[in-house]
């Protein structure tokens, strides 16, 4: 859905410009990348320091050969040879465990809480077109009274209520949730350069929230605003507790 383009913002040109997940995701990805790069460059100022870190190299070898044993021989695995390659790997790990997960998890109730929008089970077969054997009685019933056929097909009340409760739980933030860039680790206070980089990271995440609000108010972006369209807020970094449809925890949180 995107091509590398050095002249495009963030180095990627989206195939669909009005694609909220990608457009907002690039903002978050860039913020994470800048923070991680500053952190890694502080502790690994020379390429040889990355290549010569035996613990780091052992960790990456385990990720490739044991964590992804079926893909360990693929040629596309990055090599940890310098700070840039290390920052790229860490950015990917942080992205997957935080923003990517948040985008697919915390909106479940918005789309599936109303079960006709995304029913989790069909209790009757789908009506089919008539065939040489004489047609489908179910199709005739459906055409005569489609609402009755649909109610018979939809989940029962107890099935729907159970799924609604589950997706409500999955979509909820706990009161003590720790959000991306919200609080600095105590050890970072000891390094002025690291603390300054984290403060820039946190400030950028606050700016991104304002940018996303602006996009959600732009009537030209039809996939995120307008009649019957939910504003896309899944990439807004911060949130209160409960089912809010926004907020990116530091890591996968259920």
C-alpha atoms as a PDB file:
ATOM      1  CA  UNK A   1       0.000   0.000   0.000  1.00  0.00           C
ATOM      2  CA  UNK A   2       3.058   2.273  -0.078  1.00  0.00           C
ATOM      3  CA  UNK A   3       6.253   2.782  -2.048  1.00  0.00           C
ATOM      4  CA  UNK A   4       9.568   4.152  -0.914  1.00  0.00           C
ATOM      5  CA  UNK A   5       9.939   7.714  -2.156  1.00  0.00           C
ATOM      6  CA  UNK A   6      12.729   9.941  -0.811  1.00  0.00           C
ATOM      7  CA  UNK A   7      10.774  13.056  -1.811  1.00  0.00           C
ATOM      8  CA  UNK A   8       7.633  12.034   0.096  1.00  0.00           C
ATOM      9  CA  UNK A   9       7.068  12.837   3.741  1.00  0.00           C
ATOM     10  CA  UNK A  10       8.641  10.139   5.911  1.00  0.00           C
ATOM     11  CA  UNK A  11      10.121   8.576   2.783  1.00  0.00           C
ATOM     12  CA  UNK A  12       6.932   6.721   1.812  1.00  0.00           C
ATOM     13  CA  UNK A  13       4.268   7.506  -0.762  1.00  0.00           C
ATOM     14  CA  UNK A  14       0.897   6.001   0.146  1.00  0.00           C
ATOM     15  CA  UNK A  15      -1.119   4.350  -2.620  1.00  0.00           C
ATOM     16  CA  UNK A  16      -4.264   5.721  -0.913  1.00  0.00           C
ATOM     17  CA  UNK A  17      -3.709   9.119   0.668  1.00  0.00           C
ATOM     18  CA  UNK A  18      -6.989   9.063   2.632  1.00  0.00           C
ATOM     19  CA  UNK A  19      -6.035   5.902   4.537  1.00  0.00           C
ATOM     20  CA  UNK A  20      -6.281   6.842   8.246  1.00  0.00           C
ATOM     21  CA  UNK A  21      -4.344   3.870   9.664  1.00  0.00           C
ATOM     22  CA  UNK A  22      -1.403   4.474   7.343  1.00  0.00           C
ATOM     23  CA  UNK A  23      -1.451   8.272   7.447  1.00  0.00           C
ATOM     24  CA  UNK A  24      -1.662   8.496  11.245  1.00  0.00           C
ATOM     25  CA  UNK A  25       0.538   5.447  11.678  1.00  0.00           C
ATOM     26  CA  UNK A  26       3.377   7.158   9.837  1.00  0.00           C
ATOM     27  CA  UNK A  27       3.212   9.998  12.355  1.00  0.00           C
ATOM     28  CA  UNK A  28       3.578   7.573  15.262  1.00  0.00           C
ATOM     29  CA  UNK A  29       6.228   5.484  13.477  1.00  0.00           C
ATOM     30  CA  UNK A  30       8.324   8.574  12.806  1.00  0.00           C
ATOM     31  CA  UNK A  31       8.053   9.723  16.425  1.00  0.00           C
ATOM     32  CA  UNK A  32       9.115   6.297  17.717  1.00  0.00           C
ATOM     33  CA  UNK A  33      11.955   6.140  15.185  1.00  0.00           C
ATOM     34  CA  UNK A  34      13.342   9.545  16.174  1.00  0.00           C
ATOM     35  CA  UNK A  35      13.236   8.691  19.882  1.00  0.00           C
ATOM     36  CA  UNK A  36      14.820   5.262  19.434  1.00  0.00           C
ATOM     37  CA  UNK A  37      17.506   6.623  17.109  1.00  0.00           C
ATOM     38  CA  UNK A  38      18.485   9.296  19.651  1.00  0.00           C
ATOM     39  CA  UNK A  39      18.602   6.686  22.422  1.00  0.00           C
ATOM     40  CA  UNK A  40      20.634   4.147  20.437  1.00  0.00           C
ATOM     41  CA  UNK A  41      23.062   6.732  19.071  1.00  0.00           C
ATOM     42  CA  UNK A  42      23.752   7.933  22.606  1.00  0.00           C
ATOM     43  CA  UNK A  43      24.847   4.500  23.811  1.00  0.00           C
ATOM     44  CA  UNK A  44      26.318   3.182  20.535  1.00  0.00           C
ATOM     45  CA  UNK A  45      28.132   6.150  18.958  1.00  0.00           C
ATOM     46  CA  UNK A  46      30.434   3.848  16.935  1.00  0.00           C
ATOM     47  CA  UNK A  47      29.279   1.062  14.538  1.00  0.00           C
ATOM     48  CA  UNK A  48      31.803  -1.347  16.060  1.00  0.00           C
ATOM     49  CA  UNK A  49      30.029  -1.056  19.405  1.00  0.00           C
ATOM     50  CA  UNK A  50      26.861  -2.615  17.960  1.00  0.00           C
ATOM     51  CA  UNK A  51      28.691  -5.347  16.068  1.00  0.00           C
ATOM     52  CA  UNK A  52      30.827  -6.116  19.118  1.00  0.00           C
ATOM     53  CA  UNK A  53      28.000  -6.283  21.673  1.00  0.00           C
ATOM     54  CA  UNK A  54      27.812 -10.051  22.248  1.00  0.00           C
ATOM     55  CA  UNK A  55      24.595  -9.923  24.299  1.00  0.00           C
ATOM     56  CA  UNK A  56      22.863  -7.818  21.682  1.00  0.00           C
ATOM     57  CA  UNK A  57      24.004 -10.067  18.833  1.00  0.00           C
ATOM     58  CA  UNK A  58      22.930 -13.176  20.765  1.00  0.00           C
ATOM     59  CA  UNK A  59      19.494 -11.649  21.348  1.00  0.00           C
ATOM     60  CA  UNK A  60      19.039 -10.921  17.650  1.00  0.00           C
ATOM     61  CA  UNK A  61      20.302 -14.370  16.635  1.00  0.00           C
ATOM     62  CA  UNK A  62      17.695 -15.930  18.940  1.00  0.00           C
ATOM     63  CA  UNK A  63      14.928 -13.756  17.491  1.00  0.00           C
ATOM     64  CA  UNK A  64      15.816 -14.870  13.965  1.00  0.00           C
ATOM     65  CA  UNK A  65      16.761 -18.524  14.425  1.00  0.00           C
ATOM     66  CA  UNK A  66      14.480 -19.582  17.273  1.00  0.00           C
ATOM     67  CA  UNK A  67      11.681 -17.045  17.345  1.00  0.00           C
ATOM     68  CA  UNK A  68      11.163 -17.353  13.593  1.00  0.00           C
ATOM     69  CA  UNK A  69      12.738 -20.717  12.831  1.00  0.00           C
ATOM     70  CA  UNK A  70      10.612 -21.205   9.717  1.00  0.00           C
ATOM     71  CA  UNK A  71      11.932 -17.915   8.280  1.00  0.00           C
ATOM     72  CA  UNK A  72      15.490 -17.942   9.619  1.00  0.00           C
ATOM     73  CA  UNK A  73      17.107 -18.399   6.198  1.00  0.00           C
ATOM     74  CA  UNK A  74      15.210 -15.603   4.458  1.00  0.00           C
ATOM     75  CA  UNK A  75      17.515 -12.991   2.882  1.00  0.00           C
ATOM     76  CA  UNK A  76      15.554  -9.976   4.098  1.00  0.00           C
ATOM     77  CA  UNK A  77      16.517 -10.190   7.769  1.00  0.00           C
ATOM     78  CA  UNK A  78      18.416  -7.017   8.769  1.00  0.00           C
ATOM     79  CA  UNK A  79      21.919  -7.370  10.181  1.00  0.00           C
ATOM     80  CA  UNK A  80      22.789  -5.530  13.380  1.00  0.00           C
ATOM     81  CA  UNK A  81      25.912  -3.790  12.152  1.00  0.00           C
ATOM     82  CA  UNK A  82      25.478  -0.219  13.379  1.00  0.00           C
ATOM     83  CA  UNK A  83      23.206   2.110  15.323  1.00  0.00           C
ATOM     84  CA  UNK A  84      20.927   2.700  12.331  1.00  0.00           C
ATOM     85  CA  UNK A  85      20.148  -0.995  11.826  1.00  0.00           C
ATOM     86  CA  UNK A  86      19.615  -1.479  15.563  1.00  0.00           C
ATOM     87  CA  UNK A  87      17.274   1.514  15.743  1.00  0.00           C
ATOM     88  CA  UNK A  88      15.296   0.133  12.805  1.00  0.00           C
ATOM     89  CA  UNK A  89      14.819  -3.233  14.497  1.00  0.00           C
ATOM     90  CA  UNK A  90      13.816  -1.684  17.816  1.00  0.00           C
ATOM     91  CA  UNK A  91      11.412   0.741  16.132  1.00  0.00           C
ATOM     92  CA  UNK A  92       9.677  -2.186  14.438  1.00  0.00           C
ATOM     93  CA  UNK A  93       9.383  -4.133  17.696  1.00  0.00           C
ATOM     94  CA  UNK A  94       7.998  -1.129  19.582  1.00  0.00           C
ATOM     95  CA  UNK A  95       5.582  -0.294  16.738  1.00  0.00           C
ATOM     96  CA  UNK A  96       4.114  -3.810  16.557  1.00  0.00           C
ATOM     97  CA  UNK A  97       3.682  -4.118  20.323  1.00  0.00           C
ATOM     98  CA  UNK A  98       2.201  -0.647  20.771  1.00  0.00           C
ATOM     99  CA  UNK A  99       0.578   1.299  17.942  1.00  0.00           C
ATOM    100  CA  UNK A 100      -0.147  -1.596  15.578  1.00  0.00           C
ATOM    101  CA  UNK A 101      -1.809  -3.616  18.342  1.00  0.00           C
ATOM    102  CA  UNK A 102      -3.737  -0.620  19.662  1.00  0.00           C
ATOM    103  CA  UNK A 103      -5.162   0.149  16.224  1.00  0.00           C
ATOM    104  CA  UNK A 104      -6.635  -3.328  15.792  1.00  0.00           C
ATOM    105  CA  UNK A 105      -7.617  -3.970  19.410  1.00  0.00           C
ATOM    106  CA  UNK A 106      -9.134  -0.929  21.054  1.00  0.00           C
ATOM    107  CA  UNK A 107     -11.695  -0.281  18.330  1.00  0.00           C
ATOM    108  CA  UNK A 108     -13.340  -3.682  18.534  1.00  0.00           C
ATOM    109  CA  UNK A 109     -16.354  -2.500  20.514  1.00  0.00           C
ATOM    110  CA  UNK A 110     -16.933   0.438  18.168  1.00  0.00           C
ATOM    111  CA  UNK A 111     -17.405  -1.914  15.240  1.00  0.00           C
ATOM    112  CA  UNK A 112     -18.471  -5.198  16.842  1.00  0.00           C
ATOM    113  CA  UNK A 113     -20.389  -4.088  19.920  1.00  0.00           C
ATOM    114  CA  UNK A 114     -23.477  -3.644  17.740  1.00  0.00           C
ATOM    115  CA  UNK A 115     -23.672  -7.279  16.699  1.00  0.00           C
ATOM    116  CA  UNK A 116     -25.625  -6.870  13.399  1.00  0.00           C
ATOM    117  CA  UNK A 117     -22.643  -4.844  12.175  1.00  0.00           C
ATOM    118  CA  UNK A 118     -20.299  -7.785  12.748  1.00  0.00           C
ATOM    119  CA  UNK A 119     -22.201 -10.926  13.821  1.00  0.00           C
ATOM    120  CA  UNK A 120     -19.940 -13.610  15.233  1.00  0.00           C
ATOM    121  CA  UNK A 121     -22.028 -16.592  14.199  1.00  0.00           C
ATOM    122  CA  UNK A 122     -24.666 -17.546  11.633  1.00  0.00           C
ATOM    123  CA  UNK A 123     -27.218 -19.996  13.066  1.00  0.00           C
ATOM    124  CA  UNK A 124     -28.734 -20.875   9.696  1.00  0.00           C
ATOM    125  CA  UNK A 125     -27.225 -21.452   6.239  1.00  0.00           C
ATOM    126  CA  UNK A 126     -27.090 -18.549   3.823  1.00  0.00           C
ATOM    127  CA  UNK A 127     -29.965 -18.472   1.291  1.00  0.00           C
ATOM    128  CA  UNK A 128     -28.871 -19.685  -2.127  1.00  0.00           C
ATOM    129  CA  UNK A 129     -30.100 -19.102  -5.658  1.00  0.00           C
ATOM    130  CA  UNK A 130     -32.446 -21.770  -7.132  1.00  0.00           C
ATOM    131  CA  UNK A 131     -30.682 -24.719  -8.738  1.00  0.00           C
ATOM    132  CA  UNK A 132     -31.706 -27.565 -11.030  1.00  0.00           C
ATOM    133  CA  UNK A 133     -33.170 -29.517  -8.123  1.00  0.00           C
ATOM    134  CA  UNK A 134     -35.951 -27.013  -7.657  1.00  0.00           C
ATOM    135  CA  UNK A 135     -34.512 -24.047  -5.791  1.00  0.00           C
ATOM    136  CA  UNK A 136     -34.061 -23.027  -2.188  1.00  0.00           C
ATOM    137  CA  UNK A 137     -36.872 -22.771   0.316  1.00  0.00           C
ATOM    138  CA  UNK A 138     -34.685 -20.537   2.456  1.00  0.00           C
ATOM    139  CA  UNK A 139     -34.323 -18.062  -0.376  1.00  0.00           C
ATOM    140  CA  UNK A 140     -38.097 -17.889  -0.754  1.00  0.00           C
ATOM    141  CA  UNK A 141     -38.494 -17.325   2.991  1.00  0.00           C
ATOM    142  CA  UNK A 142     -35.836 -14.640   2.894  1.00  0.00           C
ATOM    143  CA  UNK A 143     -37.464 -12.805  -0.013  1.00  0.00           C
ATOM    144  CA  UNK A 144     -40.900 -12.914   1.657  1.00  0.00           C
ATOM    145  CA  UNK A 145     -39.709 -11.600   5.032  1.00  0.00           C
ATOM    146  CA  UNK A 146     -35.991 -10.809   5.117  1.00  0.00           C
ATOM    147  CA  UNK A 147     -36.009  -9.410   8.670  1.00  0.00           C
ATOM    148  CA  UNK A 148     -37.363 -12.686  10.079  1.00  0.00           C
ATOM    149  CA  UNK A 149     -34.758 -14.716   8.194  1.00  0.00           C
ATOM    150  CA  UNK A 150     -32.002 -12.426   9.425  1.00  0.00           C
ATOM    151  CA  UNK A 151     -33.118 -12.633  13.056  1.00  0.00           C
ATOM    152  CA  UNK A 152     -33.138 -16.411  12.782  1.00  0.00           C
ATOM    153  CA  UNK A 153     -29.636 -16.316  11.315  1.00  0.00           C
ATOM    154  CA  UNK A 154     -28.131 -13.765  13.701  1.00  0.00           C
ATOM    155  CA  UNK A 155     -26.639 -14.817  17.054  1.00  0.00           C
ATOM    156  CA  UNK A 156     -29.100 -15.485  19.843  1.00  0.00           C
ATOM    157  CA  UNK A 157     -29.521 -12.924  22.613  1.00  0.00           C
ATOM    158  CA  UNK A 158     -27.199 -14.812  24.956  1.00  0.00           C
ATOM    159  CA  UNK A 159     -24.590 -15.280  22.214  1.00  0.00           C
ATOM    160  CA  UNK A 160     -24.716 -11.600  21.269  1.00  0.00           C
ATOM    161  CA  UNK A 161     -24.546 -10.452  24.908  1.00  0.00           C
ATOM    162  CA  UNK A 162     -21.538 -12.689  25.573  1.00  0.00           C
ATOM    163  CA  UNK A 163     -19.618 -11.319  22.588  1.00  0.00           C
ATOM    164  CA  UNK A 164     -20.555  -7.726  23.472  1.00  0.00           C
ATOM    165  CA  UNK A 165     -19.165  -8.245  26.971  1.00  0.00           C
ATOM    166  CA  UNK A 166     -15.938  -9.762  25.629  1.00  0.00           C
ATOM    167  CA  UNK A 167     -15.247  -7.025  23.058  1.00  0.00           C
ATOM    168  CA  UNK A 168     -16.104  -4.393  25.673  1.00  0.00           C
ATOM    169  CA  UNK A 169     -13.437  -5.883  27.939  1.00  0.00           C
ATOM    170  CA  UNK A 170     -10.891  -6.174  25.128  1.00  0.00           C
ATOM    171  CA  UNK A 171     -11.499  -2.569  24.066  1.00  0.00           C
ATOM    172  CA  UNK A 172     -11.143  -1.084  27.548  1.00  0.00           C
ATOM    173  CA  UNK A 173      -8.145   0.724  28.995  1.00  0.00           C
ATOM    174  CA  UNK A 174      -7.429   0.084  32.654  1.00  0.00           C
ATOM    175  CA  UNK A 175      -7.215   3.073  35.027  1.00  0.00           C
ATOM    176  CA  UNK A 176      -3.471   2.460  35.498  1.00  0.00           C
ATOM    177  CA  UNK A 177      -2.653   2.077  31.786  1.00  0.00           C
ATOM    178  CA  UNK A 178       0.839   3.213  30.800  1.00  0.00           C
ATOM    179  CA  UNK A 179       0.720   5.011  27.459  1.00  0.00           C
ATOM    180  CA  UNK A 180       3.361   5.447  24.796  1.00  0.00           C
ATOM    181  CA  UNK A 181       5.707   8.261  25.754  1.00  0.00           C
ATOM    182  CA  UNK A 182       3.736   9.159  28.865  1.00  0.00           C
ATOM    183  CA  UNK A 183       6.318   8.562  31.603  1.00  0.00           C
ATOM    184  CA  UNK A 184      10.106   8.430  31.465  1.00  0.00           C
ATOM    185  CA  UNK A 185      12.013   5.508  32.916  1.00  0.00           C
ATOM    186  CA  UNK A 186      13.859   6.458  36.093  1.00  0.00           C
ATOM    187  CA  UNK A 187      17.224   5.507  34.579  1.00  0.00           C
ATOM    188  CA  UNK A 188      16.782   8.082  31.813  1.00  0.00           C
ATOM    189  CA  UNK A 189      16.901  10.866  34.386  1.00  0.00           C
ATOM    190  CA  UNK A 190      20.603  10.112  34.887  1.00  0.00           C
ATOM    191  CA  UNK A 191      21.452  10.941  31.259  1.00  0.00           C
ATOM    192  CA  UNK A 192      20.636  14.511  30.254  1.00  0.00           C
ATOM    193  CA  UNK A 193      20.791  13.755  26.519  1.00  0.00           C
ATOM    194  CA  UNK A 194      18.439  10.764  26.867  1.00  0.00           C
ATOM    195  CA  UNK A 195      15.983  12.702  29.026  1.00  0.00           C
ATOM    196  CA  UNK A 196      15.968  15.568  26.522  1.00  0.00           C
ATOM    197  CA  UNK A 197      15.308  13.137  23.676  1.00  0.00           C
ATOM    198  CA  UNK A 198      12.419  11.587  25.594  1.00  0.00           C
ATOM    199  CA  UNK A 199      10.926  15.009  26.310  1.00  0.00           C
ATOM    200  CA  UNK A 200      11.025  15.777  22.572  1.00  0.00           C
ATOM    201  CA  UNK A 201       9.354  12.426  21.915  1.00  0.00           C
ATOM    202  CA  UNK A 202       6.566  13.127  24.405  1.00  0.00           C
ATOM    203  CA  UNK A 203       6.012  16.614  23.010  1.00  0.00           C
ATOM    204  CA  UNK A 204       5.797  15.221  19.480  1.00  0.00           C
ATOM    205  CA  UNK A 205       3.161  12.704  20.558  1.00  0.00           C
ATOM    206  CA  UNK A 206       1.107  15.571  21.983  1.00  0.00           C
ATOM    207  CA  UNK A 207       1.464  17.407  18.674  1.00  0.00           C
ATOM    208  CA  UNK A 208       0.310  14.291  16.802  1.00  0.00           C
ATOM    209  CA  UNK A 209      -2.925  14.262  18.798  1.00  0.00           C
ATOM    210  CA  UNK A 210      -3.662  17.794  17.550  1.00  0.00           C
ATOM    211  CA  UNK A 211      -2.799  16.801  13.968  1.00  0.00           C
ATOM    212  CA  UNK A 212      -5.172  13.825  14.128  1.00  0.00           C
ATOM    213  CA  UNK A 213      -7.980  16.004  15.501  1.00  0.00           C
ATOM    214  CA  UNK A 214      -7.428  18.363  12.582  1.00  0.00           C
ATOM    215  CA  UNK A 215      -7.595  15.534  10.075  1.00  0.00           C
ATOM    216  CA  UNK A 216     -10.799  14.223  11.624  1.00  0.00           C
ATOM    217  CA  UNK A 217     -12.355  17.631  11.082  1.00  0.00           C
ATOM    218  CA  UNK A 218     -11.338  17.840   7.423  1.00  0.00           C
ATOM    219  CA  UNK A 219     -14.456  17.146   5.344  1.00  0.00           C
ATOM    220  CA  UNK A 220     -12.283  16.337   2.332  1.00  0.00           C
ATOM    221  CA  UNK A 221     -11.075  13.182   4.113  1.00  0.00           C
ATOM    222  CA  UNK A 222     -14.148  11.026   3.559  1.00  0.00           C
ATOM    223  CA  UNK A 223     -12.771   7.936   5.320  1.00  0.00           C
ATOM    224  CA  UNK A 224     -12.589   9.671   8.681  1.00  0.00           C
ATOM    225  CA  UNK A 225     -15.318  12.266   8.802  1.00  0.00           C
ATOM    226  CA  UNK A 226     -18.856  12.815   7.577  1.00  0.00           C
ATOM    227  CA  UNK A 227     -22.308  11.329   8.144  1.00  0.00           C
ATOM    228  CA  UNK A 228     -22.112   7.803   9.530  1.00  0.00           C
ATOM    229  CA  UNK A 229     -18.288   7.799   9.629  1.00  0.00           C
ATOM    230  CA  UNK A 230     -16.494   7.371  12.936  1.00  0.00           C
ATOM    231  CA  UNK A 231     -13.566   9.752  13.426  1.00  0.00           C
ATOM    232  CA  UNK A 232     -10.321   7.788  13.291  1.00  0.00           C
ATOM    233  CA  UNK A 233      -8.715   8.156  16.710  1.00  0.00           C
ATOM    234  CA  UNK A 234      -7.003   4.800  17.216  1.00  0.00           C
ATOM    235  CA  UNK A 235      -3.568   6.397  16.726  1.00  0.00           C
ATOM    236  CA  UNK A 236      -4.112   9.101  19.321  1.00  0.00           C
ATOM    237  CA  UNK A 237      -1.445   8.235  21.893  1.00  0.00           C
ATOM    238  CA  UNK A 238      -3.229   9.115  25.140  1.00  0.00           C
ATOM    239  CA  UNK A 239      -6.555   8.178  26.688  1.00  0.00           C
ATOM    240  CA  UNK A 240      -8.557   7.958  29.858  1.00  0.00           C
ATOM    241  CA  UNK A 241      -9.803   4.611  31.226  1.00  0.00           C
ATOM    242  CA  UNK A 242     -12.592   2.620  29.637  1.00  0.00           C
ATOM    243  CA  UNK A 243     -13.749   2.128  26.049  1.00  0.00           C
ATOM    244  CA  UNK A 244     -12.500   5.299  24.384  1.00  0.00           C
ATOM    245  CA  UNK A 245     -11.350   4.214  20.912  1.00  0.00           C
ATOM    246  CA  UNK A 246      -8.019   5.971  21.410  1.00  0.00           C
ATOM    247  CA  UNK A 247      -4.797   5.545  23.380  1.00  0.00           C
ATOM    248  CA  UNK A 248      -1.608   3.582  22.617  1.00  0.00           C
ATOM    249  CA  UNK A 249      -0.245   1.568  25.560  1.00  0.00           C
ATOM    250  CA  UNK A 250       3.505   1.083  25.879  1.00  0.00           C
ATOM    251  CA  UNK A 251       3.125  -2.562  24.931  1.00  0.00           C
ATOM    252  CA  UNK A 252       0.434  -5.119  24.093  1.00  0.00           C
ATOM    253  CA  UNK A 253      -2.181  -4.705  26.785  1.00  0.00           C
ATOM    254  CA  UNK A 254      -5.376  -6.708  27.226  1.00  0.00           C
END
